Amino acid sequence: MNKKALRRENLSKSTSKTRVIRVVPRPGAPTRGWLLVGAIRIPVALGRSGIHALKREGDGVTPAGIWHAREVRYRADHGVRPSTALPVRRTRPEDGWCDDPADGRYNRPVRLPFAASHEEMWRPDGLYDLVVVLDHNERPRKTRGGSAVFLHLARPGFEPTAGCVAFRRKDLRWLLARITPRTAIKVG
C-alpha cells in the first residue's frame, strides 16, 4: 500500500465512530495522561491524586473503570454547538451540579441558587465551556462515591483536576465528533 492510501485509511479509521477509548496515566506523572483512540494519543490532565479504583468525594482521584458519556453541555456564548452523536444541552448561568453527599440530589444537575454544596457549571475560568457528563456514580449512586466526574477543558499547563479528565479544546471537540453513548471510556 502506498503512503497516500495508508494516510487515507488511517484518516478513515480516526474519523469513524469509536467503540472504545482509553485514558492512561503517563509513567512518572500520575496527574497527566493520554487518551488513546486507536493509534492516536492525546494529552490529558488527570486528578491531583492520580487514577485509582476507589473514588471518594473530594479525594482528587480520577476514578478507574469503564464509563460512558451521557450528554454534552456547552456555553453558547463561548463557542459553537459541538458536532457529536451525544445529546447536547446549552449551559445556563443557573446550572449547577450537587456535590453534597447528604443531599438527595447528590451527583445530579441542580438549578441555582441551591443551598447545598454544588459545582457551578457556568464558570468564569472556562473549564466547563465544554463538558461531557459521564455515568460515574450514577446507577447505583453511592453516597460519597464521587460527583461531577466529567471530561472538560484543561487549565493552562495541564494542571491537575479535582478528579476529571481535562483536554485542550480542539482535542475535546475532535473526540466529541467520534464518540457515542455506547463508546466505552476505559480509565486506568
N, C-alpha and C. Protein backbone atom coordinates (compact mmCIF):
# COMPACT_ATOMS: atom_id res chain seq x y z
N MET A 1 0.85 -1.17 0.00
CA MET A 1 0.00 0.00 0.00
C MET A 1 0.89 1.23 0.00
N ASN A 2 0.62 2.21 -0.88
CA ASN A 2 1.45 3.40 -0.92
C ASN A 2 1.12 4.35 0.25
N LYS A 3 1.96 5.37 0.46
CA LYS A 3 1.81 6.27 1.60
C LYS A 3 0.48 7.03 1.56
N LYS A 4 0.07 7.46 0.38
CA LYS A 4 -1.17 8.22 0.24
C LYS A 4 -2.37 7.35 0.63
N ALA A 5 -2.41 6.12 0.18
CA ALA A 5 -3.51 5.21 0.51
C ALA A 5 -3.50 4.88 2.01
N LEU A 6 -2.32 4.72 2.60
CA LEU A 6 -2.20 4.44 4.02
C LEU A 6 -2.72 5.62 4.84
N ARG A 7 -2.38 6.87 4.43
CA ARG A 7 -2.89 8.05 5.12
C ARG A 7 -4.41 8.12 5.06
N ARG A 8 -4.99 7.83 3.88
CA ARG A 8 -6.45 7.84 3.73
C ARG A 8 -7.09 6.80 4.65
N GLU A 9 -6.49 5.61 4.72
CA GLU A 9 -7.02 4.55 5.57
C GLU A 9 -6.96 4.96 7.05
N ASN A 10 -5.83 5.53 7.48
CA ASN A 10 -5.70 5.97 8.87
C ASN A 10 -6.68 7.10 9.19
N LEU A 11 -6.88 8.03 8.27
CA LEU A 11 -7.82 9.11 8.47
C LEU A 11 -9.23 8.55 8.59
N SER A 12 -9.57 7.60 7.75
CA SER A 12 -10.88 6.98 7.80
C SER A 12 -11.11 6.29 9.14
N LYS A 13 -10.11 5.59 9.63
CA LYS A 13 -10.22 4.92 10.92
C LYS A 13 -10.36 5.93 12.05
N SER A 14 -9.66 7.06 11.95
CA SER A 14 -9.70 8.04 13.03
C SER A 14 -10.95 8.91 13.00
N THR A 15 -11.71 8.91 11.91
CA THR A 15 -12.90 9.74 11.85
C THR A 15 -14.19 8.95 12.00
N SER A 16 -14.13 7.64 12.04
CA SER A 16 -15.34 6.85 12.22
C SER A 16 -15.72 6.86 13.70
N LYS A 17 -16.94 6.43 14.02
CA LYS A 17 -17.38 6.37 15.41
C LYS A 17 -16.54 5.35 16.16
N THR A 18 -16.14 5.72 17.36
CA THR A 18 -15.21 4.93 18.15
C THR A 18 -15.97 4.14 19.21
N ARG A 19 -15.64 2.85 19.34
CA ARG A 19 -16.32 2.00 20.31
C ARG A 19 -15.63 2.01 21.68
N VAL A 20 -14.30 2.09 21.69
CA VAL A 20 -13.55 2.05 22.94
C VAL A 20 -12.45 3.09 22.88
N ILE A 21 -12.34 3.86 23.95
CA ILE A 21 -11.20 4.76 24.12
C ILE A 21 -10.61 4.47 25.49
N ARG A 22 -9.33 4.78 25.65
CA ARG A 22 -8.65 4.52 26.92
C ARG A 22 -8.01 5.78 27.44
N VAL A 23 -8.03 5.92 28.75
CA VAL A 23 -7.32 7.00 29.43
C VAL A 23 -6.32 6.33 30.35
N VAL A 24 -5.05 6.63 30.15
CA VAL A 24 -3.98 6.02 30.95
C VAL A 24 -3.05 7.10 31.49
N PRO A 25 -2.46 6.87 32.67
CA PRO A 25 -1.51 7.86 33.21
C PRO A 25 -0.18 7.79 32.46
N ARG A 26 0.52 8.89 32.45
CA ARG A 26 1.89 8.89 31.91
C ARG A 26 2.82 8.31 32.96
N PRO A 27 3.75 7.49 32.56
CA PRO A 27 4.71 6.95 33.53
C PRO A 27 5.45 8.09 34.24
N GLY A 28 5.48 8.04 35.56
CA GLY A 28 6.19 9.05 36.34
C GLY A 28 5.46 10.37 36.50
N ALA A 29 4.25 10.50 35.94
CA ALA A 29 3.48 11.74 36.03
C ALA A 29 2.00 11.39 36.24
N PRO A 30 1.62 10.98 37.46
CA PRO A 30 0.26 10.46 37.68
C PRO A 30 -0.87 11.47 37.47
N THR A 31 -0.56 12.76 37.41
CA THR A 31 -1.62 13.75 37.18
C THR A 31 -1.76 14.13 35.71
N ARG A 32 -0.95 13.50 34.89
CA ARG A 32 -1.04 13.71 33.44
C ARG A 32 -1.20 12.36 32.78
N GLY A 33 -1.89 12.38 31.65
CA GLY A 33 -2.11 11.11 30.99
C GLY A 33 -2.30 11.25 29.51
N TRP A 34 -2.74 10.15 28.93
CA TRP A 34 -3.02 10.09 27.50
C TRP A 34 -4.41 9.53 27.30
N LEU A 35 -5.12 10.09 26.34
CA LEU A 35 -6.33 9.47 25.82
C LEU A 35 -5.89 8.73 24.58
N LEU A 36 -6.18 7.44 24.52
CA LEU A 36 -5.77 6.61 23.39
C LEU A 36 -6.99 6.24 22.57
N VAL A 37 -6.96 6.62 21.30
CA VAL A 37 -8.00 6.28 20.34
C VAL A 37 -7.29 5.59 19.19
N GLY A 38 -7.30 4.25 19.21
CA GLY A 38 -6.51 3.52 18.23
C GLY A 38 -5.05 3.90 18.40
N ALA A 39 -4.41 4.33 17.30
CA ALA A 39 -3.00 4.73 17.35
C ALA A 39 -2.83 6.20 17.72
N ILE A 40 -3.91 6.92 17.90
CA ILE A 40 -3.84 8.35 18.22
C ILE A 40 -3.72 8.53 19.72
N ARG A 41 -2.81 9.42 20.13
CA ARG A 41 -2.54 9.70 21.54
C ARG A 41 -2.74 11.19 21.80
N ILE A 42 -3.65 11.52 22.71
CA ILE A 42 -3.99 12.91 23.03
C ILE A 42 -3.63 13.18 24.48
N PRO A 43 -2.91 14.27 24.77
CA PRO A 43 -2.56 14.58 26.16
C PRO A 43 -3.79 15.02 26.96
N VAL A 44 -3.85 14.59 28.23
CA VAL A 44 -4.92 14.98 29.13
C VAL A 44 -4.36 15.25 30.52
N ALA A 45 -5.12 16.04 31.29
CA ALA A 45 -4.82 16.25 32.71
C ALA A 45 -5.72 15.32 33.50
N LEU A 46 -5.20 14.80 34.60
CA LEU A 46 -5.95 13.89 35.46
C LEU A 46 -6.09 14.49 36.86
N GLY A 47 -6.77 13.79 37.74
CA GLY A 47 -6.97 14.25 39.11
C GLY A 47 -5.67 14.42 39.86
N ARG A 48 -5.67 15.31 40.84
CA ARG A 48 -4.47 15.61 41.62
C ARG A 48 -3.94 14.40 42.39
N SER A 49 -4.80 13.38 42.57
CA SER A 49 -4.39 12.15 43.26
C SER A 49 -4.22 10.98 42.31
N GLY A 50 -4.19 11.26 41.00
CA GLY A 50 -3.99 10.21 40.01
C GLY A 50 -5.24 9.37 39.77
N ILE A 51 -5.05 8.21 39.15
CA ILE A 51 -6.15 7.29 38.85
C ILE A 51 -6.14 6.17 39.88
N HIS A 52 -7.32 5.90 40.47
CA HIS A 52 -7.46 4.81 41.44
C HIS A 52 -8.84 4.19 41.30
N ALA A 53 -8.97 2.94 41.73
CA ALA A 53 -10.25 2.23 41.64
C ALA A 53 -11.27 2.76 42.65
N LEU A 54 -10.82 3.18 43.82
CA LEU A 54 -11.73 3.67 44.85
C LEU A 54 -11.80 5.19 44.77
N LYS A 55 -12.98 5.72 44.47
CA LYS A 55 -13.21 7.16 44.40
C LYS A 55 -14.10 7.57 45.56
N ARG A 56 -13.68 8.63 46.28
CA ARG A 56 -14.47 9.19 47.37
C ARG A 56 -14.63 10.68 47.13
N GLU A 57 -15.71 11.23 47.57
CA GLU A 57 -15.98 12.66 47.37
C GLU A 57 -14.82 13.51 47.90
N GLY A 58 -14.30 14.38 47.05
CA GLY A 58 -13.27 15.33 47.44
C GLY A 58 -11.85 14.80 47.48
N ASP A 59 -11.61 13.55 47.06
CA ASP A 59 -10.27 12.98 47.18
C ASP A 59 -9.31 13.33 46.05
N GLY A 60 -9.82 13.95 44.97
CA GLY A 60 -8.94 14.33 43.86
C GLY A 60 -8.57 13.17 42.95
N VAL A 61 -9.23 12.03 43.10
CA VAL A 61 -8.94 10.85 42.30
C VAL A 61 -9.76 10.86 41.01
N THR A 62 -9.11 10.52 39.90
CA THR A 62 -9.83 10.20 38.68
C THR A 62 -10.20 8.73 38.79
N PRO A 63 -11.51 8.41 38.79
CA PRO A 63 -11.91 7.02 39.05
C PRO A 63 -11.59 6.07 37.90
N ALA A 64 -10.94 4.97 38.25
CA ALA A 64 -10.68 3.90 37.28
C ALA A 64 -11.98 3.17 37.03
N GLY A 65 -12.15 2.69 35.81
CA GLY A 65 -13.35 1.93 35.47
C GLY A 65 -13.72 2.15 34.01
N ILE A 66 -14.89 1.67 33.67
CA ILE A 66 -15.42 1.85 32.31
C ILE A 66 -16.63 2.75 32.43
N TRP A 67 -16.57 3.91 31.77
CA TRP A 67 -17.62 4.91 31.85
C TRP A 67 -18.18 5.17 30.45
N HIS A 68 -19.35 5.78 30.42
CA HIS A 68 -19.99 6.16 29.16
C HIS A 68 -20.42 7.62 29.24
N ALA A 69 -20.37 8.30 28.11
CA ALA A 69 -20.81 9.69 28.05
C ALA A 69 -22.33 9.73 28.01
N ARG A 70 -22.92 10.57 28.85
CA ARG A 70 -24.37 10.70 28.90
C ARG A 70 -24.86 11.88 28.07
N GLU A 71 -24.14 13.01 28.17
CA GLU A 71 -24.54 14.21 27.43
C GLU A 71 -23.38 15.18 27.38
N VAL A 72 -23.53 16.17 26.51
CA VAL A 72 -22.56 17.26 26.39
C VAL A 72 -23.26 18.55 26.79
N ARG A 73 -22.55 19.37 27.52
CA ARG A 73 -23.03 20.71 27.86
C ARG A 73 -22.00 21.70 27.32
N TYR A 74 -22.51 22.81 26.79
CA TYR A 74 -21.59 23.81 26.24
C TYR A 74 -22.13 25.21 26.47
N ARG A 75 -21.22 26.17 26.55
CA ARG A 75 -21.61 27.58 26.67
C ARG A 75 -21.66 28.17 25.28
N ALA A 76 -22.86 28.50 24.85
CA ALA A 76 -23.05 29.05 23.50
C ALA A 76 -22.39 30.41 23.35
N ASP A 77 -22.19 31.13 24.44
CA ASP A 77 -21.52 32.44 24.36
C ASP A 77 -20.00 32.30 24.25
N HIS A 78 -19.48 31.08 24.39
CA HIS A 78 -18.04 30.82 24.29
C HIS A 78 -17.68 29.83 23.19
N GLY A 79 -18.60 29.51 22.31
CA GLY A 79 -18.29 28.60 21.22
C GLY A 79 -19.55 28.03 20.59
N VAL A 80 -19.37 27.49 19.42
CA VAL A 80 -20.50 26.91 18.68
C VAL A 80 -20.84 25.53 19.24
N ARG A 81 -22.05 25.12 18.95
CA ARG A 81 -22.52 23.79 19.36
C ARG A 81 -21.57 22.73 18.79
N PRO A 82 -21.11 21.80 19.64
CA PRO A 82 -20.19 20.78 19.14
C PRO A 82 -20.89 19.78 18.23
N SER A 83 -20.15 19.24 17.30
CA SER A 83 -20.65 18.19 16.42
C SER A 83 -20.45 16.86 17.14
N THR A 84 -21.56 16.17 17.45
CA THR A 84 -21.48 14.94 18.23
C THR A 84 -22.77 14.13 18.10
N ALA A 85 -22.67 12.84 18.34
CA ALA A 85 -23.84 11.96 18.36
C ALA A 85 -24.46 11.91 19.75
N LEU A 86 -23.85 12.58 20.71
CA LEU A 86 -24.36 12.62 22.09
C LEU A 86 -25.45 13.68 22.22
N PRO A 87 -26.35 13.52 23.19
CA PRO A 87 -27.31 14.59 23.47
C PRO A 87 -26.55 15.85 23.89
N VAL A 88 -27.02 17.01 23.45
CA VAL A 88 -26.33 18.28 23.73
C VAL A 88 -27.30 19.26 24.40
N ARG A 89 -26.79 19.95 25.43
CA ARG A 89 -27.57 20.98 26.13
C ARG A 89 -26.72 22.24 26.27
N ARG A 90 -27.34 23.37 26.15
CA ARG A 90 -26.66 24.64 26.44
C ARG A 90 -26.56 24.82 27.94
N THR A 91 -25.40 25.23 28.40
CA THR A 91 -25.23 25.56 29.81
C THR A 91 -25.80 26.96 30.04
N ARG A 92 -26.51 27.11 31.15
CA ARG A 92 -27.11 28.39 31.52
C ARG A 92 -26.48 28.88 32.82
N PRO A 93 -26.54 30.18 33.09
CA PRO A 93 -25.94 30.71 34.33
C PRO A 93 -26.49 30.06 35.60
N GLU A 94 -27.71 29.56 35.57
CA GLU A 94 -28.31 28.96 36.76
C GLU A 94 -28.06 27.45 36.88
N ASP A 95 -27.21 26.89 36.04
CA ASP A 95 -26.91 25.46 36.10
C ASP A 95 -25.85 25.16 37.15
N GLY A 96 -26.12 24.12 37.94
CA GLY A 96 -25.17 23.66 38.94
C GLY A 96 -25.16 22.14 38.96
N TRP A 97 -24.28 21.57 39.81
CA TRP A 97 -24.20 20.13 39.97
C TRP A 97 -23.98 19.85 41.45
N CYS A 98 -24.90 19.12 42.08
CA CYS A 98 -24.84 18.88 43.51
C CYS A 98 -23.67 17.96 43.86
N ASP A 99 -22.81 18.41 44.80
CA ASP A 99 -21.71 17.57 45.29
C ASP A 99 -21.79 17.35 46.80
N ASP A 100 -22.99 17.53 47.35
CA ASP A 100 -23.22 17.34 48.78
C ASP A 100 -23.78 15.94 49.02
N PRO A 101 -22.97 15.02 49.59
CA PRO A 101 -23.42 13.64 49.80
C PRO A 101 -24.68 13.53 50.67
N ALA A 102 -24.96 14.53 51.51
CA ALA A 102 -26.12 14.48 52.38
C ALA A 102 -27.41 14.90 51.67
N ASP A 103 -27.31 15.43 50.47
CA ASP A 103 -28.48 15.91 49.74
C ASP A 103 -29.03 14.81 48.83
N GLY A 104 -30.33 14.74 48.67
CA GLY A 104 -30.98 13.74 47.82
C GLY A 104 -30.68 13.92 46.34
N ARG A 105 -30.14 15.08 45.96
CA ARG A 105 -29.79 15.33 44.55
C ARG A 105 -28.29 15.19 44.31
N TYR A 106 -27.61 14.52 45.22
CA TYR A 106 -26.17 14.29 45.10
C TYR A 106 -25.83 13.71 43.72
N ASN A 107 -24.78 14.25 43.12
CA ASN A 107 -24.28 13.86 41.80
C ASN A 107 -25.36 13.95 40.72
N ARG A 108 -26.11 15.04 40.81
CA ARG A 108 -27.14 15.33 39.80
C ARG A 108 -27.12 16.82 39.48
N PRO A 109 -27.62 17.16 38.29
CA PRO A 109 -27.72 18.59 37.98
C PRO A 109 -28.76 19.26 38.87
N VAL A 110 -28.51 20.53 39.20
CA VAL A 110 -29.43 21.32 40.02
C VAL A 110 -29.53 22.73 39.43
N ARG A 111 -30.55 23.42 39.86
CA ARG A 111 -30.76 24.81 39.41
C ARG A 111 -30.33 25.74 40.55
N LEU A 112 -29.55 26.75 40.22
CA LEU A 112 -29.08 27.72 41.20
C LEU A 112 -30.08 28.87 41.31
N PRO A 113 -30.21 29.49 42.46
CA PRO A 113 -29.45 29.24 43.69
C PRO A 113 -29.84 27.90 44.32
N PHE A 114 -28.87 27.30 44.98
CA PHE A 114 -29.04 25.98 45.57
C PHE A 114 -28.30 25.98 46.90
N ALA A 115 -29.01 25.63 47.98
CA ALA A 115 -28.44 25.77 49.32
C ALA A 115 -27.31 24.78 49.61
N ALA A 116 -27.44 23.54 49.15
CA ALA A 116 -26.42 22.53 49.45
C ALA A 116 -25.16 22.79 48.62
N SER A 117 -24.07 22.15 49.00
CA SER A 117 -22.81 22.29 48.27
C SER A 117 -22.98 21.85 46.81
N HIS A 118 -22.36 22.61 45.91
CA HIS A 118 -22.54 22.33 44.48
C HIS A 118 -21.40 22.92 43.66
N GLU A 119 -21.28 22.43 42.44
CA GLU A 119 -20.39 23.00 41.43
C GLU A 119 -21.22 23.97 40.60
N GLU A 120 -20.62 25.08 40.21
CA GLU A 120 -21.26 25.98 39.26
C GLU A 120 -20.82 25.57 37.87
N MET A 121 -21.78 25.30 37.00
CA MET A 121 -21.45 24.87 35.64
C MET A 121 -21.07 26.06 34.75
N TRP A 122 -21.54 27.26 35.08
CA TRP A 122 -21.23 28.49 34.34
C TRP A 122 -20.03 29.12 35.03
N ARG A 123 -18.84 28.67 34.66
CA ARG A 123 -17.63 29.07 35.38
C ARG A 123 -16.92 30.22 34.68
N PRO A 124 -16.36 31.13 35.47
CA PRO A 124 -15.61 32.24 34.87
C PRO A 124 -14.26 31.81 34.26
N ASP A 125 -13.71 30.66 34.71
CA ASP A 125 -12.40 30.22 34.21
C ASP A 125 -12.49 29.44 32.90
N GLY A 126 -13.70 29.15 32.41
CA GLY A 126 -13.86 28.48 31.11
C GLY A 126 -13.68 26.98 31.11
N LEU A 127 -13.36 26.36 32.25
CA LEU A 127 -13.12 24.92 32.26
C LEU A 127 -14.35 24.12 31.83
N TYR A 128 -15.53 24.65 32.13
CA TYR A 128 -16.77 23.95 31.79
C TYR A 128 -17.46 24.56 30.57
N ASP A 129 -16.74 25.29 29.75
CA ASP A 129 -17.33 25.79 28.50
C ASP A 129 -17.76 24.63 27.61
N LEU A 130 -17.11 23.50 27.75
CA LEU A 130 -17.44 22.28 27.02
C LEU A 130 -17.24 21.11 28.00
N VAL A 131 -18.33 20.41 28.32
CA VAL A 131 -18.32 19.37 29.35
C VAL A 131 -19.02 18.12 28.84
N VAL A 132 -18.42 16.97 29.11
CA VAL A 132 -19.07 15.69 28.84
C VAL A 132 -19.41 15.08 30.19
N VAL A 133 -20.71 14.88 30.42
CA VAL A 133 -21.17 14.26 31.66
C VAL A 133 -21.02 12.75 31.52
N LEU A 134 -20.33 12.13 32.47
CA LEU A 134 -20.13 10.68 32.46
C LEU A 134 -21.11 9.99 33.40
N ASP A 135 -21.26 8.69 33.23
CA ASP A 135 -22.16 7.93 34.08
C ASP A 135 -21.51 7.44 35.37
N HIS A 136 -20.39 8.02 35.75
CA HIS A 136 -19.73 7.64 37.00
C HIS A 136 -20.66 7.90 38.20
N ASN A 137 -20.77 6.93 39.07
CA ASN A 137 -21.59 7.00 40.29
C ASN A 137 -23.04 7.41 39.99
N GLU A 138 -23.55 6.86 38.91
CA GLU A 138 -24.91 7.19 38.50
C GLU A 138 -25.91 6.13 38.97
N ARG A 139 -25.68 4.89 38.61
CA ARG A 139 -26.57 3.78 38.97
C ARG A 139 -25.73 2.56 39.33
N PRO A 140 -25.69 2.14 40.55
CA PRO A 140 -26.32 2.80 41.68
C PRO A 140 -25.49 3.99 42.14
N ARG A 141 -26.16 5.00 42.64
CA ARG A 141 -25.48 6.19 43.15
C ARG A 141 -25.13 5.93 44.61
N LYS A 142 -23.83 6.04 44.93
CA LYS A 142 -23.36 5.77 46.29
C LYS A 142 -23.03 7.09 46.98
N THR A 143 -23.51 7.24 48.19
CA THR A 143 -23.19 8.43 48.98
C THR A 143 -21.68 8.51 49.15
N ARG A 144 -21.11 9.66 48.88
CA ARG A 144 -19.66 9.92 48.96
C ARG A 144 -18.87 9.17 47.89
N GLY A 145 -19.54 8.60 46.90
CA GLY A 145 -18.86 7.84 45.84
C GLY A 145 -18.24 8.70 44.76
N GLY A 146 -18.36 10.01 44.89
CA GLY A 146 -17.79 10.94 43.92
C GLY A 146 -18.86 11.55 43.04
N SER A 147 -18.71 12.83 42.78
CA SER A 147 -19.69 13.55 41.97
C SER A 147 -18.97 14.43 40.95
N ALA A 148 -19.73 14.82 39.95
CA ALA A 148 -19.24 15.76 38.93
C ALA A 148 -17.94 15.29 38.29
N VAL A 149 -17.86 14.01 37.95
CA VAL A 149 -16.70 13.49 37.23
C VAL A 149 -17.01 13.64 35.74
N PHE A 150 -16.31 14.58 35.10
CA PHE A 150 -16.58 14.97 33.73
C PHE A 150 -15.33 14.84 32.86
N LEU A 151 -15.53 14.92 31.55
CA LEU A 151 -14.49 15.29 30.61
C LEU A 151 -14.72 16.79 30.38
N HIS A 152 -13.68 17.60 30.52
CA HIS A 152 -13.86 19.04 30.33
C HIS A 152 -12.56 19.67 29.84
N LEU A 153 -12.54 20.98 29.73
CA LEU A 153 -11.37 21.69 29.21
C LEU A 153 -10.29 21.81 30.28
N ALA A 154 -9.04 21.79 29.83
CA ALA A 154 -7.89 21.82 30.74
C ALA A 154 -7.48 23.25 31.09
N ARG A 155 -6.89 23.37 32.26
CA ARG A 155 -6.26 24.63 32.66
C ARG A 155 -4.97 24.79 31.86
N PRO A 156 -4.47 26.01 31.75
CA PRO A 156 -3.18 26.19 31.09
C PRO A 156 -2.11 25.34 31.78
N GLY A 157 -1.27 24.71 31.00
CA GLY A 157 -0.21 23.87 31.54
C GLY A 157 -0.68 22.51 32.01
N PHE A 158 -1.93 22.15 31.72
CA PHE A 158 -2.49 20.86 32.12
C PHE A 158 -2.35 20.62 33.63
N GLU A 159 -2.70 21.63 34.42
CA GLU A 159 -2.69 21.47 35.87
C GLU A 159 -3.67 20.36 36.25
N PRO A 160 -3.43 19.66 37.37
CA PRO A 160 -4.32 18.57 37.78
C PRO A 160 -5.75 19.05 38.00
N THR A 161 -6.68 18.11 37.87
CA THR A 161 -8.10 18.39 38.09
C THR A 161 -8.50 17.90 39.49
N ALA A 162 -9.77 18.06 39.82
CA ALA A 162 -10.31 17.55 41.08
C ALA A 162 -10.73 16.09 40.95
N GLY A 163 -10.53 15.48 39.76
CA GLY A 163 -10.88 14.09 39.54
C GLY A 163 -11.39 13.82 38.13
N CYS A 164 -11.50 14.89 37.35
CA CYS A 164 -11.99 14.76 35.97
C CYS A 164 -10.83 14.45 35.02
N VAL A 165 -11.16 14.32 33.73
CA VAL A 165 -10.16 14.20 32.67
C VAL A 165 -10.31 15.46 31.83
N ALA A 166 -9.21 16.23 31.68
CA ALA A 166 -9.28 17.53 31.01
C ALA A 166 -8.45 17.56 29.73
N PHE A 167 -8.96 18.27 28.74
CA PHE A 167 -8.43 18.30 27.37
C PHE A 167 -8.20 19.72 26.87
N ARG A 168 -7.36 19.82 25.84
CA ARG A 168 -7.33 21.05 25.05
C ARG A 168 -8.67 21.11 24.31
N ARG A 169 -9.15 22.31 24.06
CA ARG A 169 -10.45 22.49 23.41
C ARG A 169 -10.52 21.75 22.07
N LYS A 170 -9.52 21.90 21.24
CA LYS A 170 -9.56 21.26 19.91
C LYS A 170 -9.60 19.74 20.03
N ASP A 171 -8.93 19.18 21.02
CA ASP A 171 -8.91 17.72 21.20
C ASP A 171 -10.26 17.21 21.70
N LEU A 172 -10.89 17.95 22.61
CA LEU A 172 -12.20 17.51 23.11
C LEU A 172 -13.24 17.60 21.99
N ARG A 173 -13.19 18.64 21.18
CA ARG A 173 -14.11 18.75 20.04
C ARG A 173 -13.88 17.60 19.05
N TRP A 174 -12.62 17.26 18.80
CA TRP A 174 -12.29 16.15 17.91
C TRP A 174 -12.89 14.85 18.45
N LEU A 175 -12.72 14.62 19.76
CA LEU A 175 -13.24 13.41 20.38
C LEU A 175 -14.76 13.35 20.31
N LEU A 176 -15.42 14.47 20.57
CA LEU A 176 -16.89 14.50 20.57
C LEU A 176 -17.47 14.08 19.23
N ALA A 177 -16.78 14.39 18.15
CA ALA A 177 -17.26 14.01 16.82
C ALA A 177 -17.14 12.51 16.57
N ARG A 178 -16.46 11.79 17.47
CA ARG A 178 -16.18 10.37 17.24
C ARG A 178 -16.80 9.41 18.25
N ILE A 179 -17.37 9.94 19.32
CA ILE A 179 -17.94 9.04 20.33
C ILE A 179 -19.46 9.09 20.32
N THR A 180 -20.05 8.04 20.88
CA THR A 180 -21.50 7.93 21.00
C THR A 180 -21.80 7.53 22.45
N PRO A 181 -23.07 7.45 22.82
CA PRO A 181 -23.39 6.97 24.18
C PRO A 181 -22.92 5.54 24.42
N ARG A 182 -22.66 4.79 23.37
CA ARG A 182 -22.20 3.40 23.52
C ARG A 182 -20.68 3.26 23.62
N THR A 183 -19.95 4.33 23.37
CA THR A 183 -18.49 4.28 23.45
C THR A 183 -18.06 3.99 24.88
N ALA A 184 -17.24 2.99 25.07
CA ALA A 184 -16.68 2.66 26.39
C ALA A 184 -15.44 3.52 26.62
N ILE A 185 -15.43 4.23 27.73
CA ILE A 185 -14.28 5.06 28.12
C ILE A 185 -13.60 4.33 29.27
N LYS A 186 -12.50 3.64 28.95
CA LYS A 186 -11.77 2.84 29.95
C LYS A 186 -10.70 3.70 30.58
N VAL A 187 -10.83 3.93 31.89
CA VAL A 187 -9.87 4.75 32.63
C VAL A 187 -9.06 3.82 33.52
N GLY A 188 -7.74 3.92 33.41
CA GLY A 188 -6.85 3.13 34.26
C GLY A 188 -6.03 2.13 33.51
